[in-house]
Amino acid sequence: MNDKSDATEAEQEKKNLEFILDIPLQVTVELGRTKLLVKDILQLNQGAVVELTKLAGEPLDIFVNSKLVARGEAVVVNEKFGVRLVDIVSPNERVEKIL
């Protein structure tokens, strides 16, 4: 290959990468889960506490487009909640979660 075709190929790869970088993804942080009966949901009122499956201090699950990708811990940043990543899920672990 010559330098001109290498430069053209590099420019095309850069454009492809820029296109991918602009794709929006849904990020969800899950504090925990529970199952409730309809009658229990209807009895909820302000101040009610719903017990979740996770223990206090346990890492939060972080999903991207409904796929588990990481775990983290809750933090406060400028009076808003945030999440600090503490563990990135390996590709093997992601596959195990699907099966």
PDB file of N, CA and C in Angstrom:
ATOM      1  N   MET A   1       0.832  -1.192   0.000  1.00  0.00           N
ATOM      2  CA  MET A   1       0.000   0.000   0.000  1.00  0.00           C
ATOM      3  C   MET A   1       0.870   1.246   0.000  1.00  0.00           C
ATOM      4  N   ASN A   2       0.347   2.287  -0.594  1.00  0.00           N
ATOM      5  CA  ASN A   2       1.101   3.527  -0.589  1.00  0.00           C
ATOM      6  C   ASN A   2       0.601   4.434   0.523  1.00  0.00           C
ATOM      7  N   ASP A   3       1.312   5.519   0.741  1.00  0.00           N
ATOM      8  CA  ASP A   3       0.984   6.444   1.825  1.00  0.00           C
ATOM      9  C   ASP A   3      -0.389   7.079   1.639  1.00  0.00           C
ATOM     10  N   LYS A   4      -0.779   7.341   0.366  1.00  0.00           N
ATOM     11  CA  LYS A   4      -2.064   7.984   0.106  1.00  0.00           C
ATOM     12  C   LYS A   4      -3.226   7.079   0.513  1.00  0.00           C
ATOM     13  N   SER A   5      -3.161   5.797   0.171  1.00  0.00           N
ATOM     14  CA  SER A   5      -4.244   4.882   0.533  1.00  0.00           C
ATOM     15  C   SER A   5      -4.266   4.636   2.044  1.00  0.00           C
ATOM     16  N   ASP A   6      -3.094   4.632   2.685  1.00  0.00           N
ATOM     17  CA  ASP A   6      -3.040   4.492   4.145  1.00  0.00           C
ATOM     18  C   ASP A   6      -3.712   5.675   4.823  1.00  0.00           C
ATOM     19  N   ALA A   7      -3.470   6.877   4.313  1.00  0.00           N
ATOM     20  CA  ALA A   7      -4.076   8.086   4.887  1.00  0.00           C
ATOM     21  C   ALA A   7      -5.582   8.068   4.694  1.00  0.00           C
ATOM     22  N   THR A   8      -6.057   7.654   3.517  1.00  0.00           N
ATOM     23  CA  THR A   8      -7.487   7.583   3.250  1.00  0.00           C
ATOM     24  C   THR A   8      -8.151   6.565   4.171  1.00  0.00           C
ATOM     25  N   GLU A   9      -7.511   5.423   4.365  1.00  0.00           N
ATOM     26  CA  GLU A   9      -8.044   4.383   5.241  1.00  0.00           C
ATOM     27  C   GLU A   9      -8.093   4.884   6.688  1.00  0.00           C
ATOM     28  N   ALA A  10      -7.073   5.586   7.128  1.00  0.00           N
ATOM     29  CA  ALA A  10      -7.046   6.135   8.490  1.00  0.00           C
ATOM     30  C   ALA A  10      -8.152   7.171   8.683  1.00  0.00           C
ATOM     31  N   GLU A  11      -8.386   8.011   7.669  1.00  0.00           N
ATOM     32  CA  GLU A  11      -9.459   9.008   7.745  1.00  0.00           C
ATOM     33  C   GLU A  11     -10.822   8.330   7.848  1.00  0.00           C
ATOM     34  N   GLN A  12     -11.014   7.261   7.081  1.00  0.00           N
ATOM     35  CA  GLN A  12     -12.286   6.533   7.119  1.00  0.00           C
ATOM     36  C   GLN A  12     -12.500   5.889   8.494  1.00  0.00           C
ATOM     37  N   GLU A  13     -11.447   5.307   9.067  1.00  0.00           N
ATOM     38  CA  GLU A  13     -11.547   4.710  10.397  1.00  0.00           C
ATOM     39  C   GLU A  13     -11.891   5.772  11.439  1.00  0.00           C
ATOM     40  N   LYS A  14     -11.309   6.966  11.305  1.00  0.00           N
ATOM     41  CA  LYS A  14     -11.601   8.047  12.233  1.00  0.00           C
ATOM     42  C   LYS A  14     -13.070   8.470  12.126  1.00  0.00           C
ATOM     43  N   LYS A  15     -13.590   8.563  10.902  1.00  0.00           N
ATOM     44  CA  LYS A  15     -14.994   8.921  10.711  1.00  0.00           C
ATOM     45  C   LYS A  15     -15.905   7.859  11.310  1.00  0.00           C
ATOM     46  N   ASN A  16     -15.564   6.578  11.111  1.00  0.00           N
ATOM     47  CA  ASN A  16     -16.356   5.486  11.686  1.00  0.00           C
ATOM     48  C   ASN A  16     -16.370   5.566  13.204  1.00  0.00           C
ATOM     49  N   LEU A  17     -15.219   5.832  13.801  1.00  0.00           N
ATOM     50  CA  LEU A  17     -15.124   5.937  15.249  1.00  0.00           C
ATOM     51  C   LEU A  17     -15.942   7.119  15.754  1.00  0.00           C
ATOM     52  N   GLU A  18     -15.868   8.261  15.070  1.00  0.00           N
ATOM     53  CA  GLU A  18     -16.644   9.436  15.467  1.00  0.00           C
ATOM     54  C   GLU A  18     -18.138   9.141  15.401  1.00  0.00           C
ATOM     55  N   PHE A  19     -18.572   8.381  14.408  1.00  0.00           N
ATOM     56  CA  PHE A  19     -19.981   8.000  14.282  1.00  0.00           C
ATOM     57  C   PHE A  19     -20.398   7.138  15.472  1.00  0.00           C
ATOM     58  N   ILE A  20     -19.586   6.176  15.821  1.00  0.00           N
ATOM     59  CA  ILE A  20     -19.901   5.278  16.944  1.00  0.00           C
ATOM     60  C   ILE A  20     -19.930   6.047  18.259  1.00  0.00           C
ATOM     61  N   LEU A  21     -19.049   6.993  18.437  1.00  0.00           N
ATOM     62  CA  LEU A  21     -18.969   7.741  19.694  1.00  0.00           C
ATOM     63  C   LEU A  21     -20.209   8.578  19.957  1.00  0.00           C
ATOM     64  N   ASP A  22     -20.997   8.869  18.933  1.00  0.00           N
ATOM     65  CA  ASP A  22     -22.202   9.682  19.086  1.00  0.00           C
ATOM     66  C   ASP A  22     -23.471   8.856  19.283  1.00  0.00           C
ATOM     67  N   ILE A  23     -23.347   7.547  19.405  1.00  0.00           N
ATOM     68  CA  ILE A  23     -24.524   6.698  19.609  1.00  0.00           C
ATOM     69  C   ILE A  23     -24.926   6.775  21.081  1.00  0.00           C
ATOM     70  N   PRO A  24     -26.184   7.156  21.358  1.00  0.00           N
ATOM     71  CA  PRO A  24     -26.624   7.242  22.755  1.00  0.00           C
ATOM     72  C   PRO A  24     -26.864   5.854  23.345  1.00  0.00           C
ATOM     73  N   LEU A  25     -26.491   5.681  24.610  1.00  0.00           N
ATOM     74  CA  LEU A  25     -26.687   4.436  25.341  1.00  0.00           C
ATOM     75  C   LEU A  25     -27.449   4.725  26.626  1.00  0.00           C
ATOM     76  N   GLN A  26     -28.277   3.794  27.055  1.00  0.00           N
ATOM     77  CA  GLN A  26     -29.001   3.953  28.312  1.00  0.00           C
ATOM     78  C   GLN A  26     -28.170   3.320  29.434  1.00  0.00           C
ATOM     79  N   VAL A  27     -27.840   4.119  30.430  1.00  0.00           N
ATOM     80  CA  VAL A  27     -27.082   3.640  31.584  1.00  0.00           C
ATOM     81  C   VAL A  27     -28.021   3.600  32.792  1.00  0.00           C
ATOM     82  N   THR A  28     -28.078   2.442  33.446  1.00  0.00           N
ATOM     83  CA  THR A  28     -28.945   2.246  34.603  1.00  0.00           C
ATOM     84  C   THR A  28     -28.113   1.724  35.759  1.00  0.00           C
ATOM     85  N   VAL A  29     -28.327   2.289  36.941  1.00  0.00           N
ATOM     86  CA  VAL A  29     -27.671   1.802  38.152  1.00  0.00           C
ATOM     87  C   VAL A  29     -28.756   1.217  39.042  1.00  0.00           C
ATOM     88  N   GLU A  30     -28.589  -0.047  39.376  1.00  0.00           N
ATOM     89  CA  GLU A  30     -29.617  -0.750  40.143  1.00  0.00           C
ATOM     90  C   GLU A  30     -29.209  -0.863  41.610  1.00  0.00           C
ATOM     91  N   LEU A  31     -30.049  -0.304  42.456  1.00  0.00           N
ATOM     92  CA  LEU A  31     -29.826  -0.348  43.893  1.00  0.00           C
ATOM     93  C   LEU A  31     -30.202  -1.713  44.464  1.00  0.00           C
ATOM     94  N   GLY A  32     -31.238  -2.324  43.918  1.00  0.00           N
ATOM     95  CA  GLY A  32     -31.701  -3.629  44.371  1.00  0.00           C
ATOM     96  C   GLY A  32     -33.029  -3.961  43.728  1.00  0.00           C
ATOM     97  N   ARG A  33     -33.558  -5.133  44.054  1.00  0.00           N
ATOM     98  CA  ARG A  33     -34.839  -5.579  43.490  1.00  0.00           C
ATOM     99  C   ARG A  33     -35.675  -6.206  44.580  1.00  0.00           C
ATOM    100  N   THR A  34     -36.959  -6.306  44.303  1.00  0.00           N
ATOM    101  CA  THR A  34     -37.870  -7.033  45.172  1.00  0.00           C
ATOM    102  C   THR A  34     -39.109  -7.398  44.374  1.00  0.00           C
ATOM    103  N   LYS A  35     -39.890  -8.329  44.896  1.00  0.00           N
ATOM    104  CA  LYS A  35     -41.175  -8.681  44.292  1.00  0.00           C
ATOM    105  C   LYS A  35     -42.259  -8.380  45.316  1.00  0.00           C
ATOM    106  N   LEU A  36     -43.306  -7.715  44.855  1.00  0.00           N
ATOM    107  CA  LEU A  36     -44.435  -7.383  45.716  1.00  0.00           C
ATOM    108  C   LEU A  36     -45.725  -7.818  45.045  1.00  0.00           C
ATOM    109  N   LEU A  37     -46.715  -8.140  45.850  1.00  0.00           N
ATOM    110  CA  LEU A  37     -48.048  -8.441  45.343  1.00  0.00           C
ATOM    111  C   LEU A  37     -48.749  -7.130  44.995  1.00  0.00           C
ATOM    112  N   VAL A  38     -49.723  -7.205  44.098  1.00  0.00           N
ATOM    113  CA  VAL A  38     -50.483  -6.017  43.707  1.00  0.00           C
ATOM    114  C   VAL A  38     -51.092  -5.364  44.939  1.00  0.00           C
ATOM    115  N   LYS A  39     -51.650  -6.160  45.850  1.00  0.00           N
ATOM    116  CA  LYS A  39     -52.276  -5.576  47.047  1.00  0.00           C
ATOM    117  C   LYS A  39     -51.255  -4.819  47.892  1.00  0.00           C
ATOM    118  N   ASP A  40     -49.999  -5.302  47.927  1.00  0.00           N
ATOM    119  CA  ASP A  40     -48.957  -4.610  48.693  1.00  0.00           C
ATOM    120  C   ASP A  40     -48.572  -3.289  48.030  1.00  0.00           C
ATOM    121  N   ILE A  41     -48.539  -3.278  46.709  1.00  0.00           N
ATOM    122  CA  ILE A  41     -48.232  -2.044  45.971  1.00  0.00           C
ATOM    123  C   ILE A  41     -49.319  -1.005  46.225  1.00  0.00           C
ATOM    124  N   LEU A  42     -50.571  -1.442  46.218  1.00  0.00           N
ATOM    125  CA  LEU A  42     -51.690  -0.517  46.413  1.00  0.00           C
ATOM    126  C   LEU A  42     -51.725   0.056  47.826  1.00  0.00           C
ATOM    127  N   GLN A  43     -51.100  -0.621  48.779  1.00  0.00           N
ATOM    128  CA  GLN A  43     -51.082  -0.148  50.158  1.00  0.00           C
ATOM    129  C   GLN A  43     -49.902   0.776  50.459  1.00  0.00           C
ATOM    130  N   LEU A  44     -48.997   0.956  49.486  1.00  0.00           N
ATOM    131  CA  LEU A  44     -47.851   1.842  49.707  1.00  0.00           C
ATOM    132  C   LEU A  44     -48.327   3.279  49.836  1.00  0.00           C
ATOM    133  N   ASN A  45     -47.693   4.026  50.734  1.00  0.00           N
ATOM    134  CA  ASN A  45     -48.000   5.440  50.871  1.00  0.00           C
ATOM    135  C   ASN A  45     -46.708   6.181  51.169  1.00  0.00           C
ATOM    136  N   GLN A  46     -46.790   7.479  51.240  1.00  0.00           N
ATOM    137  CA  GLN A  46     -45.607   8.287  51.487  1.00  0.00           C
ATOM    138  C   GLN A  46     -44.949   7.855  52.790  1.00  0.00           C
ATOM    139  N   GLY A  47     -43.650   7.647  52.745  1.00  0.00           N
ATOM    140  CA  GLY A  47     -42.907   7.225  53.923  1.00  0.00           C
ATOM    141  C   GLY A  47     -42.756   5.718  54.040  1.00  0.00           C
ATOM    142  N   ALA A  48     -43.436   4.959  53.175  1.00  0.00           N
ATOM    143  CA  ALA A  48     -43.316   3.499  53.205  1.00  0.00           C
ATOM    144  C   ALA A  48     -41.899   3.093  52.824  1.00  0.00           C
ATOM    145  N   VAL A  49     -41.440   1.994  53.378  1.00  0.00           N
ATOM    146  CA  VAL A  49     -40.113   1.472  53.076  1.00  0.00           C
ATOM    147  C   VAL A  49     -40.280   0.127  52.376  1.00  0.00           C
ATOM    148  N   VAL A  50     -39.626  -0.024  51.246  1.00  0.00           N
ATOM    149  CA  VAL A  50     -39.646  -1.272  50.494  1.00  0.00           C
ATOM    150  C   VAL A  50     -38.273  -1.919  50.639  1.00  0.00           C
ATOM    151  N   GLU A  51     -38.253  -3.109  51.212  1.00  0.00           N
ATOM    152  CA  GLU A  51     -36.983  -3.818  51.424  1.00  0.00           C
ATOM    153  C   GLU A  51     -36.498  -4.419  50.107  1.00  0.00           C
ATOM    154  N   LEU A  52     -35.212  -4.233  49.824  1.00  0.00           N
ATOM    155  CA  LEU A  52     -34.618  -4.736  48.593  1.00  0.00           C
ATOM    156  C   LEU A  52     -33.731  -5.946  48.884  1.00  0.00           C
ATOM    157  N   THR A  53     -33.370  -6.665  47.837  1.00  0.00           N
ATOM    158  CA  THR A  53     -32.601  -7.892  47.994  1.00  0.00           C
ATOM    159  C   THR A  53     -31.140  -7.649  48.365  1.00  0.00           C
ATOM    160  N   LYS A  54     -30.582  -6.517  47.991  1.00  0.00           N
ATOM    161  CA  LYS A  54     -29.166  -6.255  48.269  1.00  0.00           C
ATOM    162  C   LYS A  54     -28.976  -5.766  49.687  1.00  0.00           C
ATOM    163  N   LEU A  55     -27.819  -6.091  50.240  1.00  0.00           N
ATOM    164  CA  LEU A  55     -27.468  -5.632  51.579  1.00  0.00           C
ATOM    165  C   LEU A  55     -26.875  -4.228  51.517  1.00  0.00           C
ATOM    166  N   ALA A  56     -27.010  -3.482  52.595  1.00  0.00           N
ATOM    167  CA  ALA A  56     -26.412  -2.143  52.667  1.00  0.00           C
ATOM    168  C   ALA A  56     -24.904  -2.271  52.485  1.00  0.00           C
ATOM    169  N   GLY A  57     -24.335  -1.413  51.657  1.00  0.00           N
ATOM    170  CA  GLY A  57     -22.897  -1.429  51.416  1.00  0.00           C
ATOM    171  C   GLY A  57     -22.481  -2.363  50.291  1.00  0.00           C
ATOM    172  N   GLU A  58     -23.389  -3.175  49.804  1.00  0.00           N
ATOM    173  CA  GLU A  58     -23.080  -4.081  48.699  1.00  0.00           C
ATOM    174  C   GLU A  58     -22.956  -3.263  47.408  1.00  0.00           C
ATOM    175  N   PRO A  59     -22.061  -3.660  46.488  1.00  0.00           N
ATOM    176  CA  PRO A  59     -21.900  -2.891  45.242  1.00  0.00           C
ATOM    177  C   PRO A  59     -23.184  -2.802  44.437  1.00  0.00           C
ATOM    178  N   LEU A  60     -23.373  -1.670  43.762  1.00  0.00           N
ATOM    179  CA  LEU A  60     -24.517  -1.444  42.893  1.00  0.00           C
ATOM    180  C   LEU A  60     -24.202  -2.005  41.506  1.00  0.00           C
ATOM    181  N   ASP A  61     -25.188  -2.573  40.838  1.00  0.00           N
ATOM    182  CA  ASP A  61     -24.991  -3.078  39.486  1.00  0.00           C
ATOM    183  C   ASP A  61     -25.200  -1.947  38.491  1.00  0.00           C
ATOM    184  N   ILE A  62     -24.308  -1.861  37.501  1.00  0.00           N
ATOM    185  CA  ILE A  62     -24.370  -0.828  36.471  1.00  0.00           C
ATOM    186  C   ILE A  62     -24.606  -1.516  35.133  1.00  0.00           C
ATOM    187  N   PHE A  63     -25.704  -1.139  34.491  1.00  0.00           N
ATOM    188  CA  PHE A  63     -26.096  -1.736  33.223  1.00  0.00           C
ATOM    189  C   PHE A  63     -25.984  -0.710  32.109  1.00  0.00           C
ATOM    190  N   VAL A  64     -25.556  -1.151  30.933  1.00  0.00           N
ATOM    191  CA  VAL A  64     -25.590  -0.331  29.728  1.00  0.00           C
ATOM    192  C   VAL A  64     -26.460  -1.087  28.738  1.00  0.00           C
ATOM    193  N   ASN A  65     -27.556  -0.437  28.332  1.00  0.00           N
ATOM    194  CA  ASN A  65     -28.549  -1.079  27.462  1.00  0.00           C
ATOM    195  C   ASN A  65     -28.958  -2.445  28.010  1.00  0.00           C
ATOM    196  N   SER A  66     -29.258  -2.486  29.301  1.00  0.00           N
ATOM    197  CA  SER A  66     -29.756  -3.676  30.002  1.00  0.00           C
ATOM    198  C   SER A  66     -28.733  -4.793  30.158  1.00  0.00           C
ATOM    199  N   LYS A  67     -27.468  -4.535  29.867  1.00  0.00           N
ATOM    200  CA  LYS A  67     -26.419  -5.542  30.039  1.00  0.00           C
ATOM    201  C   LYS A  67     -25.493  -5.115  31.180  1.00  0.00           C
ATOM    202  N   LEU A  68     -25.263  -6.022  32.124  1.00  0.00           N
ATOM    203  CA  LEU A  68     -24.380  -5.726  33.254  1.00  0.00           C
ATOM    204  C   LEU A  68     -22.964  -5.504  32.755  1.00  0.00           C
ATOM    205  N   VAL A  69     -22.381  -4.336  33.068  1.00  0.00           N
ATOM    206  CA  VAL A  69     -21.022  -4.036  32.606  1.00  0.00           C
ATOM    207  C   VAL A  69     -20.069  -3.696  33.746  1.00  0.00           C
ATOM    208  N   ALA A  70     -20.633  -3.313  34.912  1.00  0.00           N
ATOM    209  CA  ALA A  70     -19.748  -2.901  36.000  1.00  0.00           C
ATOM    210  C   ALA A  70     -20.504  -2.926  37.327  1.00  0.00           C
ATOM    211  N   ARG A  71     -19.740  -2.736  38.398  1.00  0.00           N
ATOM    212  CA  ARG A  71     -20.316  -2.569  39.731  1.00  0.00           C
ATOM    213  C   ARG A  71     -19.680  -1.318  40.337  1.00  0.00           C
ATOM    214  N   GLY A  72     -20.432  -0.676  41.217  1.00  0.00           N
ATOM    215  CA  GLY A  72     -19.921   0.557  41.779  1.00  0.00           C
ATOM    216  C   GLY A  72     -20.513   0.853  43.130  1.00  0.00           C
ATOM    217  N   GLU A  73     -20.155   2.018  43.650  1.00  0.00           N
ATOM    218  CA  GLU A  73     -20.669   2.454  44.947  1.00  0.00           C
ATOM    219  C   GLU A  73     -21.268   3.841  44.790  1.00  0.00           C
ATOM    220  N   ALA A  74     -22.311   4.099  45.569  1.00  0.00           N
ATOM    221  CA  ALA A  74     -22.990   5.391  45.509  1.00  0.00           C
ATOM    222  C   ALA A  74     -22.107   6.472  46.113  1.00  0.00           C
ATOM    223  N   VAL A  75     -22.094   7.635  45.469  1.00  0.00           N
ATOM    224  CA  VAL A  75     -21.362   8.807  45.961  1.00  0.00           C
ATOM    225  C   VAL A  75     -22.242  10.034  45.762  1.00  0.00           C
ATOM    226  N   VAL A  76     -21.889  11.120  46.418  1.00  0.00           N
ATOM    227  CA  VAL A  76     -22.572  12.394  46.224  1.00  0.00           C
ATOM    228  C   VAL A  76     -21.574  13.359  45.598  1.00  0.00           C
ATOM    229  N   VAL A  77     -21.985  13.968  44.477  1.00  0.00           N
ATOM    230  CA  VAL A  77     -21.135  14.912  43.760  1.00  0.00           C
ATOM    231  C   VAL A  77     -21.957  16.169  43.519  1.00  0.00           C
ATOM    232  N   ASN A  78     -21.523  17.293  44.089  1.00  0.00           N
ATOM    233  CA  ASN A  78     -22.251  18.558  43.928  1.00  0.00           C
ATOM    234  C   ASN A  78     -23.735  18.400  44.263  1.00  0.00           C
ATOM    235  N   GLU A  79     -24.016  17.753  45.375  1.00  0.00           N
ATOM    236  CA  GLU A  79     -25.371  17.536  45.885  1.00  0.00           C
ATOM    237  C   GLU A  79     -26.237  16.652  44.990  1.00  0.00           C
ATOM    238  N   LYS A  80     -25.619  15.902  44.079  1.00  0.00           N
ATOM    239  CA  LYS A  80     -26.343  14.946  43.236  1.00  0.00           C
ATOM    240  C   LYS A  80     -25.741  13.568  43.479  1.00  0.00           C
ATOM    241  N   PHE A  81     -26.572  12.531  43.322  1.00  0.00           N
ATOM    242  CA  PHE A  81     -26.057  11.179  43.435  1.00  0.00           C
ATOM    243  C   PHE A  81     -25.225  10.839  42.217  1.00  0.00           C
ATOM    244  N   GLY A  82     -24.207  10.031  42.435  1.00  0.00           N
ATOM    245  CA  GLY A  82     -23.373   9.514  41.360  1.00  0.00           C
ATOM    246  C   GLY A  82     -22.966   8.104  41.723  1.00  0.00           C
ATOM    247  N   VAL A  83     -22.197   7.490  40.863  1.00  0.00           N
ATOM    248  CA  VAL A  83     -21.704   6.142  41.139  1.00  0.00           C
ATOM    249  C   VAL A  83     -20.233   6.072  40.759  1.00  0.00           C
ATOM    250  N   ARG A  84     -19.432   5.546  41.674  1.00  0.00           N
ATOM    251  CA  ARG A  84     -17.994   5.357  41.434  1.00  0.00           C
ATOM    252  C   ARG A  84     -17.795   3.905  41.019  1.00  0.00           C
ATOM    253  N   LEU A  85     -17.199   3.685  39.851  1.00  0.00           N
ATOM    254  CA  LEU A  85     -16.956   2.329  39.373  1.00  0.00           C
ATOM    255  C   LEU A  85     -15.873   1.669  40.220  1.00  0.00           C
ATOM    256  N   VAL A  86     -16.163   0.484  40.698  1.00  0.00           N
ATOM    257  CA  VAL A  86     -15.177  -0.250  41.506  1.00  0.00           C
ATOM    258  C   VAL A  86     -14.769  -1.557  40.845  1.00  0.00           C
ATOM    259  N   ASP A  87     -15.562  -2.020  39.858  1.00  0.00           N
ATOM    260  CA  ASP A  87     -15.245  -3.292  39.211  1.00  0.00           C
ATOM    261  C   ASP A  87     -15.895  -3.307  37.832  1.00  0.00           C
ATOM    262  N   ILE A  88     -15.106  -3.591  36.810  1.00  0.00           N
ATOM    263  CA  ILE A  88     -15.630  -3.754  35.457  1.00  0.00           C
ATOM    264  C   ILE A  88     -15.859  -5.246  35.239  1.00  0.00           C
ATOM    265  N   VAL A  89     -17.037  -5.599  34.774  1.00  0.00           N
ATOM    266  CA  VAL A  89     -17.384  -7.001  34.579  1.00  0.00           C
ATOM    267  C   VAL A  89     -16.644  -7.545  33.360  1.00  0.00           C
ATOM    268  N   SER A  90     -16.014  -8.709  33.523  1.00  0.00           N
ATOM    269  CA  SER A  90     -15.269  -9.323  32.423  1.00  0.00           C
ATOM    270  C   SER A  90     -16.243  -9.839  31.363  1.00  0.00           C
ATOM    271  N   PRO A  91     -15.793  -9.946  30.121  1.00  0.00           N
ATOM    272  CA  PRO A  91     -16.670 -10.498  29.070  1.00  0.00           C
ATOM    273  C   PRO A  91     -17.189 -11.895  29.431  1.00  0.00           C
ATOM    274  N   ASN A  92     -16.354 -12.724  30.067  1.00  0.00           N
ATOM    275  CA  ASN A  92     -16.794 -14.060  30.468  1.00  0.00           C
ATOM    276  C   ASN A  92     -17.931 -13.999  31.470  1.00  0.00           C
ATOM    277  N   GLU A  93     -17.828 -13.082  32.419  1.00  0.00           N
ATOM    278  CA  GLU A  93     -18.883 -12.927  33.441  1.00  0.00           C
ATOM    279  C   GLU A  93     -20.172 -12.423  32.799  1.00  0.00           C
ATOM    280  N   ARG A  94     -20.061 -11.538  31.801  1.00  0.00           N
ATOM    281  CA  ARG A  94     -21.241 -11.058  31.098  1.00  0.00           C
ATOM    282  C   ARG A  94     -21.963 -12.200  30.395  1.00  0.00           C
ATOM    283  N   VAL A  95     -21.200 -13.104  29.772  1.00  0.00           N
ATOM    284  CA  VAL A  95     -21.786 -14.250  29.097  1.00  0.00           C
ATOM    285  C   VAL A  95     -22.470 -15.167  30.107  1.00  0.00           C
ATOM    286  N   GLU A  96     -21.848 -15.379  31.266  1.00  0.00           N
ATOM    287  CA  GLU A  96     -22.439 -16.240  32.301  1.00  0.00           C
ATOM    288  C   GLU A  96     -23.773 -15.686  32.773  1.00  0.00           C
ATOM    289  N   LYS A  97     -23.891 -14.360  32.896  1.00  0.00           N
ATOM    290  CA  LYS A  97     -25.137 -13.731  33.337  1.00  0.00           C
ATOM    291  C   LYS A  97     -26.261 -13.936  32.337  1.00  0.00           C
ATOM    292  N   ILE A  98     -25.913 -14.019  31.057  1.00  0.00           N
ATOM    293  CA  ILE A  98     -26.917 -14.182  30.005  1.00  0.00           C
ATOM    294  C   ILE A  98     -27.458 -15.612  30.012  1.00  0.00           C
ATOM    295  N   LEU A  99     -26.573 -16.582  30.255  1.00  0.00           N
ATOM    296  CA  LEU A  99     -26.986 -17.994  30.190  1.00  0.00           C
ATOM    297  C   LEU A  99     -27.764 -18.438  31.396  1.00  0.00           C
TER     298      LEU A  99
END
